[in-house]
Structures are given as structure tokens and as C-alpha cells.
Amino acid sequence: MAPELRHLRYLIAVAEHGSFTRAAEALRISQPTLSQQVKQLERAVGAQLLDRTGRAVRLTDAGATYVHHARGALRDLAAAERAVKDLADLSRGHLRLALTPTFTAYLVGPLVAALHEAHPGITLELLEMPQDDIEAGLLADDHDLGLAFERPHLPGITATPLFTETLGLVVAAAEDERPDPGPAPLPVRDLARLRLALLSGDFATRGHVDGYLAAHGVRPHIAVEANSVQALTEIVRRTSLATVLPDAVTHDHPRLRRVALDPALPTRTVTLLRRESAYESAASRAFTELAARLVRTRGYPRPAD
């Protein structure tokens, strides 16, 4: 008997759950049926794939090797199915995009609007998560594209630079305040006397800010921590607190004012991530082109060479 796709999925489920009972519940089949199917697979490949002697069911060495290739086969099959459904004329399609949370404050809205206007038949699945999870998801074929920052990436991830993100100090702007074309930069040491509202530590931006302050020996007075850029902008525009955010966020909020710092915060390169050698759908290609066009139109700085 040749192994079938269900055999691969059943074995992977048992390996992930470490239990026939829990795997059967997740698969919505009976435990005896699951056990019988896995035994059929073991007879077909001529090797014991699971160690059933302990409290938890574990993969044998042969099982671990088999599961590694089975996952790759299922991933390739899913890509093949998407390729068949993908139409080059973009009358329909589906895009799975993962991004770090900061981008929801200024980049996602314009990108989705441009995609919907140009290709209304493409549906979009949008997920916020840390960059480590984005890259792991790309490797597992859970996402098609990722929006994140340039850094050392996991093996198998390729990054295309989009633009350079600049950051600055942000405060509330008075209702009748007019933009000052050349205000003097604020010395970084003066940040120690300000009350700050900053993103929480699970944001990449917070780590970037903390590193900048530490490098200049500044111990900040952090009055508020928030896990949402939108919440942070509302807090700052209604209080005397200051924050540090990408300049692009300030551009979209007339009630916020950017204050230059001396020295300036280090810039970051925003990148579009994908898995190397992954199938690139027409929807992915269209989104990549739209993203490059949009950052040029909005005047974001070009990526550093």
C-alpha cells in the first residue's frame, strides 16, 4: 500500500500532540482509526515511526526523518494548489501578509487601500506578530510575505529593502500651532527631564529606543507604556507626555509634532520578507509592486546602500 496524504497528516498530528488521544480529537476521528492508519503507514515505509513505550508518544529517528520530509511535501502541495488557483490577470487571488505591529499605524492602511483599488478581487489575510514569528511562519509556509526590519535573518529568508524609516521625538501640537520649518534639535540629554510614553518592550521600536538612550547615558522617566501605537498617539496628543515614533506616524497626525533630536535616532531599513525559492503568486507580485510604488509616492527615504 502506498502512503496517502491523510497518513502524513495523521503522523504529523500525533508527533505534534505527543498523544494519539489528543491528535484524534484535533483531527476529529476516533483514536482506534488514527492508530490503525499510523500502523498502515509504518508497514508501508517498513520502519517504526513512533515510540509508544513512554508516557508521551515520540518520534523515532526514522519517524523524525520521515516527518521532516512529509512536512515539506505537504507544504509544496499547498503551494501547488495555490499556483493552480492563481490567475495571472488578478481577477482573484489571496495574499497572506504578516507584519510587525508598528506598521499598522501608518503603512498598512495606504497599502491595503492601494491593493483594493487596483485589484479588488484579491482577498487579504493580515496578521500582526513579532519579527521572529514572521520569519518562522514564512519558513513554514503560513505566510506569503512579511513586513519587518533589516537584521540578520533566519536561513531561508530573503529580504527586499523598501525604504529607510526615521524616528523622532513626538509631542502634542497646539491647535493654532504653525509648523516651524527649522526648530533647533533637542539635545539627547534633555530627554531625561521629560515624562515619556513609550511602546512596551515587546515592540522592536522600544528596543531601538532603549538602545539609543542607553548609548547616550540617558535614564528616561517613563510614565506610560502601551502596546498599541494608536493608544500612544492618543495619549500624547491629549497630555504633556512625549514619545518616540517613526516620523511617518507624525506625518499622518496633524495634532502631533515632531521634535528633532541631537544626535538623531539611528534609522531602520524596512524590508519585505519572503521564503527563498517559495512560489510567488500573482497577488504577491502585485503587492510587492504596489508597495514599492507607494513608498516612492509618499516620499519615504530610499533604502541605504
C-alpha atoms as a PDB file:
ATOM      1  CA  MET A   1       0.000   0.000   0.000  1.00  0.00           C
ATOM      2  CA  ALA A   2       1.377   3.412  -0.965  1.00  0.00           C
ATOM      3  CA  PRO A   3       1.142   6.143   1.708  1.00  0.00           C
ATOM      4  CA  GLU A   4      -1.622   8.695   1.167  1.00  0.00           C
ATOM      5  CA  LEU A   5      -1.829  12.325   2.223  1.00  0.00           C
ATOM      6  CA  ARG A   6      -4.020  11.514   5.202  1.00  0.00           C
ATOM      7  CA  HIS A   7      -1.304   9.217   6.543  1.00  0.00           C
ATOM      8  CA  LEU A   8       1.183  12.084   6.507  1.00  0.00           C
ATOM      9  CA  ARG A   9      -1.219  14.444   8.250  1.00  0.00           C
ATOM     10  CA  TYR A  10      -2.100  11.833  10.856  1.00  0.00           C
ATOM     11  CA  LEU A  11       1.537  11.112  11.685  1.00  0.00           C
ATOM     12  CA  ILE A  12       2.381  14.814  11.956  1.00  0.00           C
ATOM     13  CA  ALA A  13      -0.612  15.371  14.241  1.00  0.00           C
ATOM     14  CA  VAL A  14       0.467  12.582  16.608  1.00  0.00           C
ATOM     15  CA  ALA A  15       4.020  13.950  16.640  1.00  0.00           C
ATOM     16  CA  GLU A  16       2.839  17.475  17.420  1.00  0.00           C
ATOM     17  CA  HIS A  17       0.401  16.444  20.165  1.00  0.00           C
ATOM     18  CA  GLY A  18       2.531  13.666  21.649  1.00  0.00           C
ATOM     19  CA  SER A  19      -0.621  11.630  22.111  1.00  0.00           C
ATOM     20  CA  PHE A  20      -2.973   9.555  19.973  1.00  0.00           C
ATOM     21  CA  THR A  21      -5.916  10.758  22.061  1.00  0.00           C
ATOM     22  CA  ARG A  22      -5.234  14.475  21.647  1.00  0.00           C
ATOM     23  CA  ALA A  23      -4.314  14.072  17.990  1.00  0.00           C
ATOM     24  CA  ALA A  24      -7.541  12.157  17.302  1.00  0.00           C
ATOM     25  CA  GLU A  25      -9.543  14.918  18.979  1.00  0.00           C
ATOM     26  CA  ALA A  26      -7.815  17.573  16.877  1.00  0.00           C
ATOM     27  CA  LEU A  27      -8.367  15.561  13.688  1.00  0.00           C
ATOM     28  CA  ARG A  28     -11.956  14.723  14.681  1.00  0.00           C
ATOM     29  CA  ILE A  29     -11.526  10.995  14.128  1.00  0.00           C
ATOM     30  CA  SER A  30     -11.593   8.093  16.559  1.00  0.00           C
ATOM     31  CA  GLN A  31      -8.410   7.018  18.325  1.00  0.00           C
ATOM     32  CA  PRO A  32      -8.591   3.406  17.025  1.00  0.00           C
ATOM     33  CA  THR A  33      -8.909   4.716  13.460  1.00  0.00           C
ATOM     34  CA  LEU A  34      -5.918   7.016  13.932  1.00  0.00           C
ATOM     35  CA  SER A  35      -3.794   4.232  15.444  1.00  0.00           C
ATOM     36  CA  GLN A  36      -4.690   1.880  12.606  1.00  0.00           C
ATOM     37  CA  GLN A  37      -3.831   4.479   9.955  1.00  0.00           C
ATOM     38  CA  VAL A  38      -0.417   5.191  11.505  1.00  0.00           C
ATOM     39  CA  LYS A  39       0.337   1.466  11.668  1.00  0.00           C
ATOM     40  CA  GLN A  40      -0.574   1.208   7.968  1.00  0.00           C
ATOM     41  CA  LEU A  41       1.940   3.954   7.239  1.00  0.00           C
ATOM     42  CA  GLU A  42       4.644   2.189   9.250  1.00  0.00           C
ATOM     43  CA  ARG A  43       4.052  -1.037   7.325  1.00  0.00           C
ATOM     44  CA  ALA A  44       4.152   0.858   4.032  1.00  0.00           C
ATOM     45  CA  VAL A  45       7.517   2.518   4.773  1.00  0.00           C
ATOM     46  CA  GLY A  46       8.925  -0.551   6.525  1.00  0.00           C
ATOM     47  CA  ALA A  47      10.016   1.229   9.720  1.00  0.00           C
ATOM     48  CA  GLN A  48       8.727   2.088  13.172  1.00  0.00           C
ATOM     49  CA  LEU A  49       7.981   5.790  13.157  1.00  0.00           C
ATOM     50  CA  LEU A  50       6.634   6.274  16.687  1.00  0.00           C
ATOM     51  CA  ASP A  51       7.897   5.197  20.102  1.00  0.00           C
ATOM     52  CA  ARG A  52       4.783   4.248  22.066  1.00  0.00           C
ATOM     53  CA  THR A  53       6.534   2.908  25.206  1.00  0.00           C
ATOM     54  CA  GLY A  54       6.692   6.123  27.253  1.00  0.00           C
ATOM     55  CA  ARG A  55       4.013   8.323  28.806  1.00  0.00           C
ATOM     56  CA  ALA A  56       4.136  10.502  25.689  1.00  0.00           C
ATOM     57  CA  VAL A  57       4.286   9.229  22.132  1.00  0.00           C
ATOM     58  CA  ARG A  58       7.560  10.293  20.495  1.00  0.00           C
ATOM     59  CA  LEU A  59       9.062  10.072  17.041  1.00  0.00           C
ATOM     60  CA  THR A  60      11.782   7.531  16.461  1.00  0.00           C
ATOM     61  CA  ASP A  61      14.847   8.597  14.484  1.00  0.00           C
ATOM     62  CA  ALA A  62      13.195   7.181  11.371  1.00  0.00           C
ATOM     63  CA  GLY A  63       9.968   8.973  12.286  1.00  0.00           C
ATOM     64  CA  ALA A  64      11.697  12.329  12.721  1.00  0.00           C
ATOM     65  CA  THR A  65      13.293  11.984   9.296  1.00  0.00           C
ATOM     66  CA  TYR A  66      10.003  10.964   7.724  1.00  0.00           C
ATOM     67  CA  VAL A  67       8.057  13.830   9.338  1.00  0.00           C
ATOM     68  CA  HIS A  68      10.647  16.357   8.135  1.00  0.00           C
ATOM     69  CA  HIS A  69      10.117  15.280   4.534  1.00  0.00           C
ATOM     70  CA  ALA A  70       6.356  14.865   4.996  1.00  0.00           C
ATOM     71  CA  ARG A  71       6.025  18.471   6.141  1.00  0.00           C
ATOM     72  CA  GLY A  72       7.990  19.614   3.101  1.00  0.00           C
ATOM     73  CA  ALA A  73       5.797  17.543   0.802  1.00  0.00           C
ATOM     74  CA  LEU A  74       2.590  18.966   2.272  1.00  0.00           C
ATOM     75  CA  ARG A  75       3.994  22.489   2.050  1.00  0.00           C
ATOM     76  CA  ASP A  76       4.902  22.008  -1.611  1.00  0.00           C
ATOM     77  CA  LEU A  77       1.487  20.529  -2.340  1.00  0.00           C
ATOM     78  CA  ALA A  78      -0.242  23.522  -0.756  1.00  0.00           C
ATOM     79  CA  ALA A  79       1.887  25.829  -2.893  1.00  0.00           C
ATOM     80  CA  ALA A  80       0.961  23.835  -5.990  1.00  0.00           C
ATOM     81  CA  GLU A  81      -2.740  24.170  -5.180  1.00  0.00           C
ATOM     82  CA  ARG A  82      -2.380  27.926  -4.764  1.00  0.00           C
ATOM     83  CA  ALA A  83      -0.490  28.121  -8.054  1.00  0.00           C
ATOM     84  CA  VAL A  84      -3.314  26.353  -9.889  1.00  0.00           C
ATOM     85  CA  LYS A  85      -5.912  28.698  -8.376  1.00  0.00           C
ATOM     86  CA  ASP A  86      -3.790  31.764  -9.018  1.00  0.00           C
ATOM     87  CA  LEU A  87      -4.837  33.757 -12.094  1.00  0.00           C
ATOM     88  CA  ALA A  88      -2.277  35.980 -13.770  1.00  0.00           C
ATOM     89  CA  ASP A  89      -4.976  38.551 -14.625  1.00  0.00           C
ATOM     90  CA  LEU A  90      -5.507  39.142 -10.866  1.00  0.00           C
ATOM     91  CA  SER A  91      -9.286  38.842 -11.139  1.00  0.00           C
ATOM     92  CA  ARG A  92      -8.994  36.772  -7.990  1.00  0.00           C
ATOM     93  CA  GLY A  93      -6.285  35.698  -5.589  1.00  0.00           C
ATOM     94  CA  HIS A  94      -5.345  35.529  -1.932  1.00  0.00           C
ATOM     95  CA  LEU A  95      -2.441  37.076  -0.049  1.00  0.00           C
ATOM     96  CA  ARG A  96      -1.243  36.148   3.448  1.00  0.00           C
ATOM     97  CA  LEU A  97       0.672  39.098   4.907  1.00  0.00           C
ATOM     98  CA  ALA A  98       2.369  39.189   8.330  1.00  0.00           C
ATOM     99  CA  LEU A  99       3.848  42.380   9.767  1.00  0.00           C
ATOM    100  CA  THR A 100       5.301  43.886  12.904  1.00  0.00           C
ATOM    101  CA  PRO A 101       2.676  45.986  14.760  1.00  0.00           C
ATOM    102  CA  THR A 102       4.215  49.441  14.218  1.00  0.00           C
ATOM    103  CA  PHE A 103       3.305  49.361  10.524  1.00  0.00           C
ATOM    104  CA  THR A 104      -0.424  49.324  11.259  1.00  0.00           C
ATOM    105  CA  ALA A 105      -0.095  52.959  12.356  1.00  0.00           C
ATOM    106  CA  TYR A 106       1.000  54.372   9.017  1.00  0.00           C
ATOM    107  CA  LEU A 107       1.717  51.843   6.284  1.00  0.00           C
ATOM    108  CA  VAL A 108      -0.948  49.134   6.237  1.00  0.00           C
ATOM    109  CA  GLY A 109      -3.910  51.435   5.587  1.00  0.00           C
ATOM    110  CA  PRO A 110      -2.465  53.033   2.431  1.00  0.00           C
ATOM    111  CA  LEU A 111      -1.138  49.666   1.196  1.00  0.00           C
ATOM    112  CA  VAL A 112      -4.457  47.879   1.605  1.00  0.00           C
ATOM    113  CA  ALA A 113      -6.316  50.796   0.026  1.00  0.00           C
ATOM    114  CA  ALA A 114      -3.997  50.719  -2.996  1.00  0.00           C
ATOM    115  CA  LEU A 115      -4.309  46.940  -3.330  1.00  0.00           C
ATOM    116  CA  HIS A 116      -8.096  47.011  -3.065  1.00  0.00           C
ATOM    117  CA  GLU A 117      -8.410  49.829  -5.593  1.00  0.00           C
ATOM    118  CA  ALA A 118      -6.101  48.196  -8.133  1.00  0.00           C
ATOM    119  CA  HIS A 119      -7.130  44.561  -7.594  1.00  0.00           C
ATOM    120  CA  PRO A 120     -10.462  44.269  -5.733  1.00  0.00           C
ATOM    121  CA  GLY A 121     -10.608  40.525  -6.436  1.00  0.00           C
ATOM    122  CA  ILE A 122      -7.618  39.796  -4.189  1.00  0.00           C
ATOM    123  CA  THR A 123      -8.515  38.851  -0.629  1.00  0.00           C
ATOM    124  CA  LEU A 124      -6.058  39.665   2.135  1.00  0.00           C
ATOM    125  CA  GLU A 125      -5.225  37.820   5.341  1.00  0.00           C
ATOM    126  CA  LEU A 126      -3.417  40.239   7.674  1.00  0.00           C
ATOM    127  CA  LEU A 127      -1.630  39.230  10.884  1.00  0.00           C
ATOM    128  CA  GLU A 128       0.416  41.255  13.402  1.00  0.00           C
ATOM    129  CA  MET A 129       3.251  39.461  15.189  1.00  0.00           C
ATOM    130  CA  PRO A 130       6.891  39.790  16.304  1.00  0.00           C
ATOM    131  CA  GLN A 131       9.521  39.506  13.598  1.00  0.00           C
ATOM    132  CA  ASP A 132      10.808  36.145  14.868  1.00  0.00           C
ATOM    133  CA  ASP A 133       7.316  34.691  14.391  1.00  0.00           C
ATOM    134  CA  ILE A 134       7.006  36.265  10.942  1.00  0.00           C
ATOM    135  CA  GLU A 135      10.174  34.582   9.721  1.00  0.00           C
ATOM    136  CA  ALA A 136       9.252  31.229  11.274  1.00  0.00           C
ATOM    137  CA  GLY A 137       5.822  31.480   9.655  1.00  0.00           C
ATOM    138  CA  LEU A 138       7.319  32.225   6.257  1.00  0.00           C
ATOM    139  CA  LEU A 139       9.546  29.154   6.524  1.00  0.00           C
ATOM    140  CA  ALA A 140       6.518  27.048   7.498  1.00  0.00           C
ATOM    141  CA  ASP A 141       4.521  28.474   4.553  1.00  0.00           C
ATOM    142  CA  ASP A 142       1.996  30.081   6.898  1.00  0.00           C
ATOM    143  CA  HIS A 143       2.533  33.484   5.215  1.00  0.00           C
ATOM    144  CA  ASP A 144       3.326  34.650   1.700  1.00  0.00           C
ATOM    145  CA  LEU A 145       5.043  37.926   2.625  1.00  0.00           C
ATOM    146  CA  GLY A 146       6.246  39.728   5.732  1.00  0.00           C
ATOM    147  CA  LEU A 147       6.820  43.401   6.529  1.00  0.00           C
ATOM    148  CA  ALA A 148       9.594  43.882   9.061  1.00  0.00           C
ATOM    149  CA  PHE A 149      13.066  45.378   9.542  1.00  0.00           C
ATOM    150  CA  GLU A 150      16.500  44.577   8.193  1.00  0.00           C
ATOM    151  CA  ARG A 151      18.554  42.446  10.573  1.00  0.00           C
ATOM    152  CA  PRO A 152      20.257  39.040  10.488  1.00  0.00           C
ATOM    153  CA  HIS A 153      17.508  36.782   9.149  1.00  0.00           C
ATOM    154  CA  LEU A 154      16.826  33.090   9.600  1.00  0.00           C
ATOM    155  CA  PRO A 155      18.366  30.823   6.944  1.00  0.00           C
ATOM    156  CA  GLY A 156      15.974  30.537   4.043  1.00  0.00           C
ATOM    157  CA  ILE A 157      14.555  34.072   4.377  1.00  0.00           C
ATOM    158  CA  THR A 158      15.206  36.689   1.706  1.00  0.00           C
ATOM    159  CA  ALA A 159      14.662  40.413   2.336  1.00  0.00           C
ATOM    160  CA  THR A 160      13.946  43.173  -0.193  1.00  0.00           C
ATOM    161  CA  PRO A 161      14.589  46.721   1.160  1.00  0.00           C
ATOM    162  CA  LEU A 162      11.603  49.073   0.782  1.00  0.00           C
ATOM    163  CA  PHE A 163      12.608  52.321   2.490  1.00  0.00           C
ATOM    164  CA  THR A 164      14.525  53.839   5.384  1.00  0.00           C
ATOM    165  CA  GLU A 165      12.436  54.562   8.469  1.00  0.00           C
ATOM    166  CA  THR A 166      13.418  57.622  10.506  1.00  0.00           C
ATOM    167  CA  LEU A 167      12.278  58.227  14.077  1.00  0.00           C
ATOM    168  CA  GLY A 168      11.953  61.274  16.273  1.00  0.00           C
ATOM    169  CA  LEU A 169      10.561  62.706  19.465  1.00  0.00           C
ATOM    170  CA  VAL A 170       6.810  63.369  19.227  1.00  0.00           C
ATOM    171  CA  VAL A 171       4.746  65.825  21.295  1.00  0.00           C
ATOM    172  CA  ALA A 172       1.261  67.288  21.059  1.00  0.00           C
ATOM    173  CA  ALA A 173       0.798  70.211  18.707  1.00  0.00           C
ATOM    174  CA  ALA A 174      -1.273  73.210  19.782  1.00  0.00           C
ATOM    175  CA  GLU A 175      -4.472  73.743  17.797  1.00  0.00           C
ATOM    176  CA  ASP A 176      -3.259  77.052  16.352  1.00  0.00           C
ATOM    177  CA  GLU A 177       0.370  75.976  16.048  1.00  0.00           C
ATOM    178  CA  ARG A 178       2.039  76.500  12.705  1.00  0.00           C
ATOM    179  CA  PRO A 179       4.879  74.244  11.550  1.00  0.00           C
ATOM    180  CA  ASP A 180       8.331  75.607  12.321  1.00  0.00           C
ATOM    181  CA  PRO A 181      10.490  74.969   9.247  1.00  0.00           C
ATOM    182  CA  GLY A 182      13.714  74.782  11.254  1.00  0.00           C
ATOM    183  CA  PRO A 183      13.388  74.268  15.009  1.00  0.00           C
ATOM    184  CA  ALA A 184      16.618  73.628  16.878  1.00  0.00           C
ATOM    185  CA  PRO A 185      17.185  69.927  17.646  1.00  0.00           C
ATOM    186  CA  LEU A 186      16.726  68.865  21.250  1.00  0.00           C
ATOM    187  CA  PRO A 187      19.939  67.539  22.841  1.00  0.00           C
ATOM    188  CA  VAL A 188      19.508  63.910  23.748  1.00  0.00           C
ATOM    189  CA  ARG A 189      20.472  64.562  27.378  1.00  0.00           C
ATOM    190  CA  ASP A 190      17.343  66.713  27.736  1.00  0.00           C
ATOM    191  CA  LEU A 191      15.186  63.618  27.328  1.00  0.00           C
ATOM    192  CA  ALA A 192      15.991  62.769  30.950  1.00  0.00           C
ATOM    193  CA  ARG A 193      13.817  65.661  32.160  1.00  0.00           C
ATOM    194  CA  LEU A 194      10.788  64.732  30.029  1.00  0.00           C
ATOM    195  CA  ARG A 195       7.962  62.392  31.022  1.00  0.00           C
ATOM    196  CA  LEU A 196       7.678  59.801  28.271  1.00  0.00           C
ATOM    197  CA  ALA A 197       5.021  57.444  26.971  1.00  0.00           C
ATOM    198  CA  LEU A 198       6.693  54.584  25.107  1.00  0.00           C
ATOM    199  CA  LEU A 199       5.744  51.365  23.399  1.00  0.00           C
ATOM    200  CA  SER A 200       6.073  48.268  25.554  1.00  0.00           C
ATOM    201  CA  GLY A 201       9.095  46.015  25.450  1.00  0.00           C
ATOM    202  CA  ASP A 202       7.628  43.502  23.002  1.00  0.00           C
ATOM    203  CA  PHE A 203       7.862  46.087  20.204  1.00  0.00           C
ATOM    204  CA  ALA A 204      11.024  46.256  18.106  1.00  0.00           C
ATOM    205  CA  THR A 205      10.704  50.047  18.238  1.00  0.00           C
ATOM    206  CA  ARG A 206      11.048  50.024  22.037  1.00  0.00           C
ATOM    207  CA  GLY A 207      14.268  48.048  21.841  1.00  0.00           C
ATOM    208  CA  HIS A 208      15.537  50.533  19.254  1.00  0.00           C
ATOM    209  CA  VAL A 209      14.708  53.484  21.541  1.00  0.00           C
ATOM    210  CA  ASP A 210      16.153  51.822  24.652  1.00  0.00           C
ATOM    211  CA  GLY A 211      19.408  51.150  22.836  1.00  0.00           C
ATOM    212  CA  TYR A 212      19.639  54.775  21.706  1.00  0.00           C
ATOM    213  CA  LEU A 213      19.027  56.134  25.207  1.00  0.00           C
ATOM    214  CA  ALA A 214      21.473  53.730  26.816  1.00  0.00           C
ATOM    215  CA  ALA A 215      24.164  54.607  24.280  1.00  0.00           C
ATOM    216  CA  HIS A 216      23.908  58.251  25.352  1.00  0.00           C
ATOM    217  CA  GLY A 217      23.642  57.583  29.077  1.00  0.00           C
ATOM    218  CA  VAL A 218      20.057  58.825  29.378  1.00  0.00           C
ATOM    219  CA  ARG A 219      17.817  57.339  32.081  1.00  0.00           C
ATOM    220  CA  PRO A 220      14.285  58.141  30.883  1.00  0.00           C
ATOM    221  CA  HIS A 221      11.278  58.911  33.056  1.00  0.00           C
ATOM    222  CA  ILE A 222       8.713  56.526  31.574  1.00  0.00           C
ATOM    223  CA  ALA A 223       5.242  57.491  32.785  1.00  0.00           C
ATOM    224  CA  VAL A 224       3.224  55.257  30.418  1.00  0.00           C
ATOM    225  CA  GLU A 225       3.885  52.068  28.489  1.00  0.00           C
ATOM    226  CA  ALA A 226       1.413  50.993  25.783  1.00  0.00           C
ATOM    227  CA  ASN A 227       1.194  48.014  23.450  1.00  0.00           C
ATOM    228  CA  SER A 228      -0.568  49.981  20.718  1.00  0.00           C
ATOM    229  CA  VAL A 229       0.738  52.815  18.570  1.00  0.00           C
ATOM    230  CA  GLN A 230      -2.801  54.173  18.221  1.00  0.00           C
ATOM    231  CA  ALA A 231      -3.196  54.313  22.004  1.00  0.00           C
ATOM    232  CA  LEU A 232       0.167  56.032  22.318  1.00  0.00           C
ATOM    233  CA  THR A 233      -0.694  58.760  19.808  1.00  0.00           C
ATOM    234  CA  GLU A 234      -3.996  59.457  21.591  1.00  0.00           C
ATOM    235  CA  ILE A 235      -2.243  59.709  24.958  1.00  0.00           C
ATOM    236  CA  VAL A 236       0.437  62.064  23.657  1.00  0.00           C
ATOM    237  CA  ARG A 237      -1.889  64.419  21.826  1.00  0.00           C
ATOM    238  CA  ARG A 238      -4.079  64.811  24.951  1.00  0.00           C
ATOM    239  CA  THR A 239      -1.300  65.160  27.562  1.00  0.00           C
ATOM    240  CA  SER A 240       2.074  66.780  28.139  1.00  0.00           C
ATOM    241  CA  LEU A 241       3.827  63.430  27.663  1.00  0.00           C
ATOM    242  CA  ALA A 242       6.268  62.906  24.804  1.00  0.00           C
ATOM    243  CA  THR A 243       7.015  59.748  22.867  1.00  0.00           C
ATOM    244  CA  VAL A 244       9.349  58.405  20.188  1.00  0.00           C
ATOM    245  CA  LEU A 245       7.775  57.128  16.970  1.00  0.00           C
ATOM    246  CA  PRO A 246       8.557  56.775  13.259  1.00  0.00           C
ATOM    247  CA  ASP A 247       8.302  60.131  11.518  1.00  0.00           C
ATOM    248  CA  ALA A 248       5.745  58.683   9.111  1.00  0.00           C
ATOM    249  CA  VAL A 249       3.276  58.303  12.002  1.00  0.00           C
ATOM    250  CA  THR A 250       3.588  62.002  12.795  1.00  0.00           C
ATOM    251  CA  HIS A 251       3.003  62.964   9.155  1.00  0.00           C
ATOM    252  CA  ASP A 252      -0.451  61.346   9.291  1.00  0.00           C
ATOM    253  CA  HIS A 253      -1.453  63.077  12.570  1.00  0.00           C
ATOM    254  CA  PRO A 254      -1.850  66.868  12.352  1.00  0.00           C
ATOM    255  CA  ARG A 255      -2.250  67.070  16.149  1.00  0.00           C
ATOM    256  CA  LEU A 256       1.237  65.676  16.696  1.00  0.00           C
ATOM    257  CA  ARG A 257       4.527  67.496  16.250  1.00  0.00           C
ATOM    258  CA  ARG A 258       7.947  66.004  15.612  1.00  0.00           C
ATOM    259  CA  VAL A 259      10.935  67.331  17.540  1.00  0.00           C
ATOM    260  CA  ALA A 260      14.350  66.590  16.069  1.00  0.00           C
ATOM    261  CA  LEU A 261      16.941  65.093  18.401  1.00  0.00           C
ATOM    262  CA  ASP A 262      20.685  65.688  18.510  1.00  0.00           C
ATOM    263  CA  PRO A 263      22.107  63.255  17.725  1.00  0.00           C
ATOM    264  CA  ALA A 264      19.282  61.746  15.692  1.00  0.00           C
ATOM    265  CA  LEU A 265      17.977  58.269  16.396  1.00  0.00           C
ATOM    266  CA  PRO A 266      19.518  55.606  14.153  1.00  0.00           C
ATOM    267  CA  THR A 267      17.441  54.845  11.086  1.00  0.00           C
ATOM    268  CA  ARG A 268      15.984  51.419  10.259  1.00  0.00           C
ATOM    269  CA  THR A 269      15.526  49.711   6.913  1.00  0.00           C
ATOM    270  CA  VAL A 270      12.015  48.413   6.283  1.00  0.00           C
ATOM    271  CA  THR A 271      12.045  45.198   4.272  1.00  0.00           C
ATOM    272  CA  LEU A 272       9.638  42.882   2.508  1.00  0.00           C
ATOM    273  CA  LEU A 273      10.367  39.291   3.556  1.00  0.00           C
ATOM    274  CA  ARG A 274       9.655  36.017   1.777  1.00  0.00           C
ATOM    275  CA  ARG A 275      10.856  32.436   1.847  1.00  0.00           C
ATOM    276  CA  GLU A 276      13.644  31.676  -0.611  1.00  0.00           C
ATOM    277  CA  SER A 277      12.503  29.645  -3.618  1.00  0.00           C
ATOM    278  CA  ALA A 278       8.863  29.917  -2.487  1.00  0.00           C
ATOM    279  CA  TYR A 279       6.180  30.092  -5.166  1.00  0.00           C
ATOM    280  CA  GLU A 280       5.398  33.761  -5.828  1.00  0.00           C
ATOM    281  CA  SER A 281       1.749  34.221  -6.701  1.00  0.00           C
ATOM    282  CA  ALA A 282       0.410  36.977  -8.924  1.00  0.00           C
ATOM    283  CA  ALA A 283      -1.110  38.540  -5.790  1.00  0.00           C
ATOM    284  CA  SER A 284       2.318  38.593  -4.097  1.00  0.00           C
ATOM    285  CA  ARG A 285       3.926  40.165  -7.155  1.00  0.00           C
ATOM    286  CA  ALA A 286       1.185  42.789  -7.371  1.00  0.00           C
ATOM    287  CA  PHE A 287       1.536  43.671  -3.689  1.00  0.00           C
ATOM    288  CA  THR A 288       5.321  43.965  -3.985  1.00  0.00           C
ATOM    289  CA  GLU A 289       4.979  46.359  -6.929  1.00  0.00           C
ATOM    290  CA  LEU A 290       2.311  48.421  -5.159  1.00  0.00           C
ATOM    291  CA  ALA A 291       4.414  48.665  -2.007  1.00  0.00           C
ATOM    292  CA  ALA A 292       7.438  49.953  -3.915  1.00  0.00           C
ATOM    293  CA  ARG A 293       5.288  52.486  -5.761  1.00  0.00           C
ATOM    294  CA  LEU A 294       3.521  53.681  -2.614  1.00  0.00           C
ATOM    295  CA  VAL A 295       6.689  54.370  -0.603  1.00  0.00           C
ATOM    296  CA  ARG A 296       8.016  56.419  -3.538  1.00  0.00           C
ATOM    297  CA  THR A 297       4.757  58.383  -3.778  1.00  0.00           C
ATOM    298  CA  ARG A 298       4.700  59.123  -0.054  1.00  0.00           C
ATOM    299  CA  GLY A 299       8.302  60.320  -0.155  1.00  0.00           C
ATOM    300  CA  TYR A 300       9.787  57.834   2.290  1.00  0.00           C
ATOM    301  CA  PRO A 301      13.608  57.862   2.195  1.00  0.00           C
ATOM    302  CA  ARG A 302      15.222  55.368  -0.130  1.00  0.00           C
ATOM    303  CA  PRO A 303      16.911  52.354   1.478  1.00  0.00           C
ATOM    304  CA  ALA A 304      20.519  52.943   2.400  1.00  0.00           C
ATOM    305  CA  ASP A 305      23.000  51.186   0.139  1.00  0.00           C
END
